[in-house]
Every structure is written in C-alpha cells, then in structure tokens.
Amino acid sequence: MITALILAPASQLPLLLGSPGFPGQLSIGCGLFAQLFGAVTHGPTQRTVRHLACAPDMQGRMQATGQWTAFGLRPFAALLAGYAGTALGLRTTLALGACLLILPPTPAGPHPDPRPVSGHRLTGATTTRSTTHTPRRCPMRPARQATPDDAAEIVRLRSDLILSEPLDDHWLTVCTTALAERLTPGGDARAYVIEAPAGGLASCSLGLIHPVLPAPKYPKGLAARIHAVATDLHFQRRGYAKATLTALLDHLERDGVTLFELYASEGSAPLYARLGFASNPALMRMTRFPAQPSPGVP
C-alpha cells in the first residue's frame, strides 16, 4: 500500500520532464500506467487493512469518512489547482502538486503494519471472529491457568467463535456448570487464558484429559484432546493463541500426558505444526445417538 502511494509522485515526473515528440509521449504514457497501477493496487489493499484494523461496528463510518475525504475534496482541489496554474504557471503548479503527493506515504512509514488475519471465522479449534472492541495496541497480558470462575467466559468464547451454531441460554448454563466442575482440582479439564484489558477473555486454550491403555509411548495411560482454542479478532497475529496453547501443553506434559489430539482447520494448522503436531489421515470421527423407538413400539 505504501509502495502504491510512493508511485503517485513518481508518476508525475514525465509530465515535468517530458518533451514534445514520441519519447515524451511514451514517458507520459508510462507515468500514467504507473499511476493507474498504484491506484488499482492501493484500493483493495487499504480496504483490507481497514477491515483488519477497525472494529466491526465502525466499518461503515470508516468507509464513509474515506469516501468523503477522497471525493468530497475534489471540487475544492480542482479550483485550487486552476487558480495556482493561472497564478504560478502550469509547470510550477505540476511540480508543486507532485511534491504534495509525497506527503501521504510519509506518516504511514513508522506505523506498524497490521498483518492480515484469516477472516471473521475459521472452522475448527481456532477462530477469529470478534466479540470485543479492545484496541489492538494494548500489550499482551501473560497467560494464566484458568479457574472455575473462568468457565463462563471459556464457554462463551467456544459458543461464539468455534461452534457452527451458538449455544442457547440453556446449553450455555449446562456447559458452564460442567466445565467449572471439571476445572476444579482433581478434574480432567485444563485451560489457560489471557485476559482482555477491557474485561473478559481475549484468548483461551482448553484441554480435556482422558485415560488410554498404557503403552511405551503412553506410560501413564493419559491422553488429552485440545477441545478449544479461541482468540478475539482484535488480538489476532499477536501470539495470544500460541501463548495459551504452549502454556496448556506444558502443563499437560507435567501431568504425565504424552498423547495430544486436536481438530485443526486449514488456517490453524500451521500454528499447530510449529508446536509439534502432525496430521494423521488414519483418524476418523463419528457422532452416534441412541436410536429413538418408533411411536407405539414398547
């Protein structure tokens, strides 16, 4: 995006240095091509950056502000350029305009580049849909072990960000009660969370321990399923998921767990691979409910 902004003043040089004849026409054509290329690439790029850096409920306002700034000032710019051309001369006005085009990319240079995330939702264990509007520049708080008091927030994140259909109030209560009990000392649930500065949780990783038959690779007969990894949109690409999941895996390892399983979406798989997970095509899954008796059949 910054490169496209830099191309704008450079594309005006042929107008200032060009001379009559075919070489001058060719140089002006190349300058117009560079200007058009910069405009085409800048448009979608700045929209992408805006969607990633702006809270969802501010998208419309930011779009309207950008449109007004870009198009609303054009009549005044045209009047000012006409007056300057009359008062200062054509080449002087063109040179002044080219110099002014250097200003837009100048303040953009020092700012951090908001790297893209993978959209508002990823199916699987990691998600990216926003539930809070916390500023992106807040420093990350350290990951801590979850307590039963965090059960409601963990369930909410899982419901809002992971499940294909959010849970209703009844199932939110049921899941919260069950998870709070399993997070108590002696329970089979382990979780690590990072608090959001404005309250609630910014990220969480939840694992559930279950027994397996002992084997050389599972000497204590313990395995763990990574049940949920969720990170709010405004904290994506800042290491939140990696921090909570790394802390969770370390804790489970200290508990004697040697087998770890999870479901990975396409977007979350690279993170899990960096932490040591590997895909296994032999794994299969089925959801099976007891058969319901036919009406009238005892």
Protein backbone atom coordinates (compact mmCIF):
# COMPACT_ATOMS: atom_id res chain seq x y z
CA MET A 1 0.00 0.00 0.00
CA ILE A 2 2.83 2.38 0.85
CA THR A 3 4.57 1.46 -2.42
CA ALA A 4 1.42 2.44 -4.31
CA LEU A 5 1.40 5.80 -2.54
CA ILE A 6 5.06 6.35 -3.42
CA LEU A 7 4.33 5.64 -7.09
CA ALA A 8 1.91 8.59 -7.21
CA PRO A 9 4.53 11.40 -7.09
CA ALA A 10 6.95 9.38 -9.24
CA SER A 11 4.33 9.03 -11.97
CA GLN A 12 4.19 12.82 -12.30
CA LEU A 13 7.84 13.16 -13.29
CA PRO A 14 7.22 12.54 -17.03
CA LEU A 15 4.81 15.50 -17.05
CA LEU A 16 7.54 17.72 -15.64
CA LEU A 17 10.47 16.39 -17.66
CA GLY A 18 8.77 15.22 -20.87
CA SER A 19 9.46 16.97 -24.18
CA PRO A 20 7.45 17.13 -27.40
CA GLY A 21 7.69 14.10 -29.67
CA PHE A 22 7.31 10.34 -29.35
CA PRO A 23 9.80 9.88 -26.44
CA GLY A 24 7.93 12.42 -24.37
CA GLN A 25 4.59 10.83 -25.18
CA LEU A 26 5.97 7.40 -24.29
CA SER A 27 7.29 8.63 -20.94
CA ILE A 28 3.95 10.26 -20.11
CA GLY A 29 2.17 7.03 -21.03
CA CYS A 30 4.45 5.06 -18.73
CA GLY A 31 3.79 7.54 -15.94
CA LEU A 32 0.03 7.22 -16.38
CA PHE A 33 0.37 3.42 -16.34
CA ALA A 34 2.31 3.59 -13.07
CA GLN A 35 -0.30 5.93 -11.60
CA LEU A 36 -3.15 3.62 -12.63
CA PHE A 37 -1.27 0.57 -11.29
CA GLY A 38 -0.77 2.29 -7.95
CA ALA A 39 -4.44 3.29 -7.72
CA VAL A 40 -5.66 -0.23 -8.57
CA THR A 41 -3.40 -1.92 -6.00
CA HIS A 42 -3.95 0.71 -3.32
CA GLY A 43 -7.74 0.43 -3.39
CA PRO A 44 -8.26 -3.20 -2.30
CA THR A 45 -5.20 -3.15 -0.05
CA GLN A 46 -6.37 -0.20 2.03
CA ARG A 47 -9.82 -1.79 2.33
CA THR A 48 -8.25 -4.98 3.63
CA VAL A 49 -6.17 -3.05 6.17
CA ARG A 50 -9.24 -1.11 7.26
CA HIS A 51 -11.27 -4.29 7.83
CA LEU A 52 -8.47 -5.76 9.95
CA ALA A 53 -7.59 -2.68 11.99
CA CYS A 54 -11.09 -1.32 12.60
CA ALA A 55 -13.77 -2.67 14.92
CA PRO A 56 -16.69 -4.29 13.05
CA ASP A 57 -19.23 -1.72 14.22
CA MET A 58 -17.01 1.10 12.89
CA GLN A 59 -16.58 -0.26 9.35
CA GLY A 60 -19.40 1.81 7.85
CA ARG A 61 -18.23 5.02 9.49
CA MET A 62 -14.66 4.50 8.32
CA GLN A 63 -15.88 3.77 4.78
CA ALA A 64 -17.99 6.93 4.74
CA THR A 65 -15.10 9.01 6.11
CA GLY A 66 -12.73 7.67 3.47
CA GLN A 67 -15.21 8.30 0.65
CA TRP A 68 -15.88 11.84 1.82
CA THR A 69 -12.18 12.61 2.12
CA ALA A 70 -11.34 11.13 -1.28
CA PHE A 71 -14.21 12.52 -3.33
CA GLY A 72 -15.65 15.40 -1.34
CA LEU A 73 -12.49 17.49 -1.56
CA ARG A 74 -12.00 17.06 -5.31
CA PRO A 75 -14.02 20.14 -6.36
CA PHE A 76 -12.02 22.34 -4.00
CA ALA A 77 -8.77 20.77 -5.22
CA ALA A 78 -9.75 21.48 -8.81
CA LEU A 79 -10.49 25.13 -8.03
CA LEU A 80 -7.20 25.50 -6.15
CA ALA A 81 -5.24 23.85 -8.95
CA GLY A 82 -6.85 26.14 -11.55
CA TYR A 83 -6.01 29.22 -9.51
CA ALA A 84 -2.42 28.04 -8.94
CA GLY A 85 -2.00 27.26 -12.64
CA THR A 86 -3.13 30.76 -13.53
CA ALA A 87 -1.06 32.49 -10.88
CA LEU A 88 2.11 30.35 -10.85
CA GLY A 89 2.19 28.76 -14.28
CA LEU A 90 1.49 25.22 -15.46
CA ARG A 91 4.88 23.58 -14.79
CA THR A 92 5.26 25.22 -11.40
CA THR A 93 1.80 24.03 -10.38
CA LEU A 94 2.54 20.49 -11.62
CA ALA A 95 5.82 20.47 -9.68
CA LEU A 96 4.03 21.70 -6.54
CA GLY A 97 1.36 19.01 -6.94
CA ALA A 98 3.99 16.29 -7.35
CA CYS A 99 5.71 17.46 -4.17
CA LEU A 100 2.42 17.41 -2.25
CA LEU A 101 1.85 13.81 -3.35
CA ILE A 102 4.91 12.84 -1.30
CA LEU A 103 3.05 13.68 1.94
CA PRO A 104 0.55 10.74 2.14
CA PRO A 105 3.12 7.91 2.49
CA THR A 106 5.31 9.92 4.88
CA PRO A 107 3.24 9.45 8.10
CA ALA A 108 2.41 5.88 7.10
CA GLY A 109 6.01 4.72 7.25
CA PRO A 110 6.61 4.46 11.03
CA HIS A 111 3.26 2.83 11.82
CA PRO A 112 3.18 -0.93 12.35
CA ASP A 113 1.72 -2.94 9.50
CA PRO A 114 -1.49 -4.63 10.60
CA ARG A 115 -0.85 -8.05 9.10
CA PRO A 116 -3.91 -9.86 7.79
CA VAL A 117 -5.83 -12.42 9.65
CA SER A 118 -7.78 -15.14 8.09
CA GLY A 119 -11.25 -13.67 8.19
CA HIS A 120 -14.08 -13.50 10.70
CA ARG A 121 -14.41 -17.24 11.23
CA LEU A 122 -12.33 -20.36 10.84
CA THR A 123 -13.94 -23.73 11.37
CA GLY A 124 -12.19 -25.98 13.84
CA ALA A 125 -10.35 -25.27 17.02
CA THR A 126 -9.17 -21.73 16.30
CA THR A 127 -11.34 -18.78 15.39
CA THR A 128 -11.03 -15.13 14.51
CA ARG A 129 -14.46 -13.57 14.94
CA SER A 130 -14.58 -10.54 17.19
CA THR A 131 -16.58 -10.31 20.37
CA THR A 132 -14.98 -7.23 21.95
CA HIS A 133 -13.63 -3.94 20.67
CA THR A 134 -10.37 -3.64 22.57
CA PRO A 135 -7.66 -1.52 20.92
CA ARG A 136 -5.04 -3.53 19.08
CA ARG A 137 -2.09 -1.71 20.65
CA CYS A 138 -2.75 -2.88 24.22
CA PRO A 139 0.16 -5.04 25.41
CA MET A 140 -0.50 -8.75 25.78
CA ARG A 141 -1.04 -9.94 29.32
CA PRO A 142 0.65 -13.19 30.39
CA ALA A 143 -1.24 -16.45 30.04
CA ARG A 144 -2.52 -17.83 33.34
CA GLN A 145 -4.17 -21.07 34.35
CA ALA A 146 -7.95 -20.92 34.24
CA THR A 147 -10.07 -21.39 37.35
CA PRO A 148 -13.71 -22.46 37.68
CA ASP A 149 -14.61 -18.76 37.67
CA ASP A 150 -13.39 -18.58 34.03
CA ALA A 151 -15.77 -21.33 32.89
CA ALA A 152 -18.49 -18.97 31.72
CA GLU A 153 -16.10 -16.93 29.56
CA ILE A 154 -14.46 -20.02 28.07
CA VAL A 155 -17.88 -21.45 27.21
CA ARG A 156 -18.93 -18.13 25.71
CA LEU A 157 -15.82 -17.96 23.51
CA ARG A 158 -16.36 -21.52 22.38
CA SER A 159 -20.02 -20.87 21.63
CA ASP A 160 -19.49 -17.57 19.81
CA LEU A 161 -16.28 -18.34 17.96
CA ILE A 162 -15.99 -22.08 17.39
CA LEU A 163 -19.36 -23.77 17.14
CA SER A 164 -21.22 -23.57 13.85
CA GLU A 165 -24.34 -22.58 15.79
CA PRO A 166 -24.04 -20.64 19.08
CA LEU A 167 -25.49 -22.31 22.16
CA ASP A 168 -28.73 -21.08 23.63
CA ASP A 169 -29.00 -19.93 27.25
CA HIS A 170 -29.89 -23.41 28.49
CA TRP A 171 -26.84 -25.09 26.99
CA LEU A 172 -24.58 -22.18 27.99
CA THR A 173 -25.62 -22.81 31.60
CA VAL A 174 -25.19 -26.57 31.28
CA CYS A 175 -21.72 -26.25 29.73
CA THR A 176 -20.61 -23.62 32.23
CA THR A 177 -21.64 -25.79 35.19
CA ALA A 178 -19.94 -28.87 33.74
CA LEU A 179 -16.72 -27.05 32.85
CA ALA A 180 -16.49 -25.26 36.20
CA GLU A 181 -16.67 -28.64 37.95
CA ARG A 182 -14.05 -30.16 35.64
CA LEU A 183 -11.69 -27.21 36.20
CA THR A 184 -11.58 -27.81 39.95
CA PRO A 185 -8.53 -29.55 41.45
CA GLY A 186 -8.74 -33.21 40.52
CA GLY A 187 -10.90 -32.53 37.48
CA ASP A 188 -9.99 -33.64 33.97
CA ALA A 189 -10.01 -30.17 32.35
CA ARG A 190 -7.02 -27.85 31.99
CA ALA A 191 -7.19 -24.40 30.46
CA TYR A 192 -5.04 -21.32 30.06
CA VAL A 193 -6.40 -17.89 29.30
CA ILE A 194 -5.31 -14.33 28.59
CA GLU A 195 -7.48 -11.56 29.97
CA ALA A 196 -8.65 -8.70 27.77
CA PRO A 197 -7.79 -5.23 29.09
CA ALA A 198 -11.45 -4.17 28.98
CA GLY A 199 -12.62 -7.29 30.80
CA GLY A 200 -13.46 -10.81 29.78
CA LEU A 201 -11.04 -13.08 27.96
CA ALA A 202 -9.03 -12.25 24.86
CA SER A 203 -7.90 -15.84 24.26
CA CYS A 204 -8.24 -19.29 25.74
CA SER A 205 -6.99 -22.84 25.21
CA LEU A 206 -8.90 -25.74 26.75
CA GLY A 207 -7.76 -29.37 27.02
CA LEU A 208 -9.61 -32.41 28.34
CA ILE A 209 -7.63 -35.35 29.76
CA HIS A 210 -8.85 -38.89 29.20
CA PRO A 211 -7.32 -42.30 30.03
CA VAL A 212 -5.94 -44.73 27.46
CA LEU A 213 -4.30 -48.11 27.91
CA PRO A 214 -0.65 -47.72 28.92
CA ALA A 215 1.95 -48.28 26.23
CA PRO A 216 5.63 -47.40 25.73
CA LYS A 217 4.56 -44.08 24.25
CA TYR A 218 1.86 -43.55 26.89
CA PRO A 219 3.48 -44.84 30.10
CA LYS A 220 0.88 -43.21 32.37
CA GLY A 221 -2.01 -44.04 30.07
CA LEU A 222 -3.05 -40.40 29.69
CA ALA A 223 -4.10 -38.55 26.57
CA ALA A 224 -5.54 -35.07 26.07
CA ARG A 225 -7.86 -33.60 23.48
CA ILE A 226 -7.37 -29.90 22.78
CA HIS A 227 -11.03 -29.03 22.89
CA ALA A 228 -10.95 -25.32 22.09
CA VAL A 229 -8.51 -22.58 21.07
CA ALA A 230 -10.17 -19.21 20.53
CA THR A 231 -8.74 -15.72 20.04
CA ASP A 232 -10.63 -12.49 19.54
CA LEU A 233 -10.15 -10.71 16.21
CA HIS A 234 -8.52 -7.67 17.81
CA PHE A 235 -5.81 -9.84 19.37
CA GLN A 236 -5.01 -11.99 16.34
CA ARG A 237 -1.43 -12.19 14.99
CA ARG A 238 -0.02 -11.14 18.35
CA GLY A 239 0.85 -14.55 19.76
CA TYR A 240 -2.19 -14.98 22.03
CA ALA A 241 -3.21 -18.43 20.77
CA LYS A 242 0.39 -19.63 20.78
CA ALA A 243 0.93 -18.34 24.33
CA THR A 244 -2.15 -20.01 25.81
CA LEU A 245 -1.71 -23.25 23.89
CA THR A 246 2.01 -23.52 24.74
CA ALA A 247 1.26 -22.99 28.43
CA LEU A 248 -1.51 -25.61 28.26
CA LEU A 249 0.69 -28.19 26.55
CA ASP A 250 3.47 -27.65 29.10
CA HIS A 251 1.02 -28.12 31.96
CA LEU A 252 -0.44 -31.29 30.44
CA GLU A 253 3.06 -32.66 29.93
CA ARG A 254 3.84 -32.09 33.60
CA ASP A 255 0.65 -34.02 34.42
CA GLY A 256 2.01 -37.02 32.54
CA VAL A 257 0.09 -36.62 29.28
CA THR A 258 2.10 -37.82 26.29
CA LEU A 259 -0.60 -38.10 23.59
CA PHE A 260 -2.22 -34.91 22.32
CA GLU A 261 -5.05 -34.74 19.80
CA LEU A 262 -6.96 -31.87 18.21
CA TYR A 263 -9.01 -30.89 15.20
CA ALA A 264 -7.20 -28.34 13.00
CA SER A 265 -8.73 -26.11 10.37
CA GLU A 266 -6.70 -25.06 7.34
CA GLY A 267 -5.97 -21.70 8.90
CA SER A 268 -4.91 -23.03 12.30
CA ALA A 269 -2.85 -26.00 11.08
CA PRO A 270 0.42 -24.01 10.63
CA LEU A 271 0.38 -22.93 14.30
CA TYR A 272 -0.17 -26.48 15.49
CA ALA A 273 2.55 -27.79 13.18
CA ARG A 274 5.03 -25.32 14.66
CA LEU A 275 4.16 -26.63 18.12
CA GLY A 276 4.88 -30.22 17.10
CA PHE A 277 1.52 -31.58 15.90
CA ALA A 278 1.39 -33.71 12.75
CA SER A 279 -1.61 -34.70 10.66
CA ASN A 280 -2.73 -38.32 10.59
CA PRO A 281 -5.01 -39.46 7.73
CA ALA A 282 -5.95 -42.60 9.69
CA LEU A 283 -8.02 -40.67 12.23
CA MET A 284 -11.79 -40.90 11.73
CA ARG A 285 -14.74 -39.44 13.61
CA MET A 286 -18.42 -40.28 14.12
CA THR A 287 -21.28 -38.84 16.15
CA ARG A 288 -23.81 -41.50 17.13
CA PHE A 289 -27.02 -41.08 19.12
CA PRO A 290 -29.20 -43.86 20.59
CA ALA A 291 -31.93 -44.95 18.21
CA GLN A 292 -35.32 -43.47 19.04
CA PRO A 293 -38.16 -46.03 19.34
CA SER A 294 -40.94 -45.73 16.81
CA PRO A 295 -44.26 -44.34 18.07
CA GLY A 296 -46.40 -47.11 19.52
CA VAL A 297 -43.47 -49.55 19.88
CA PRO A 298 -42.77 -50.50 23.52
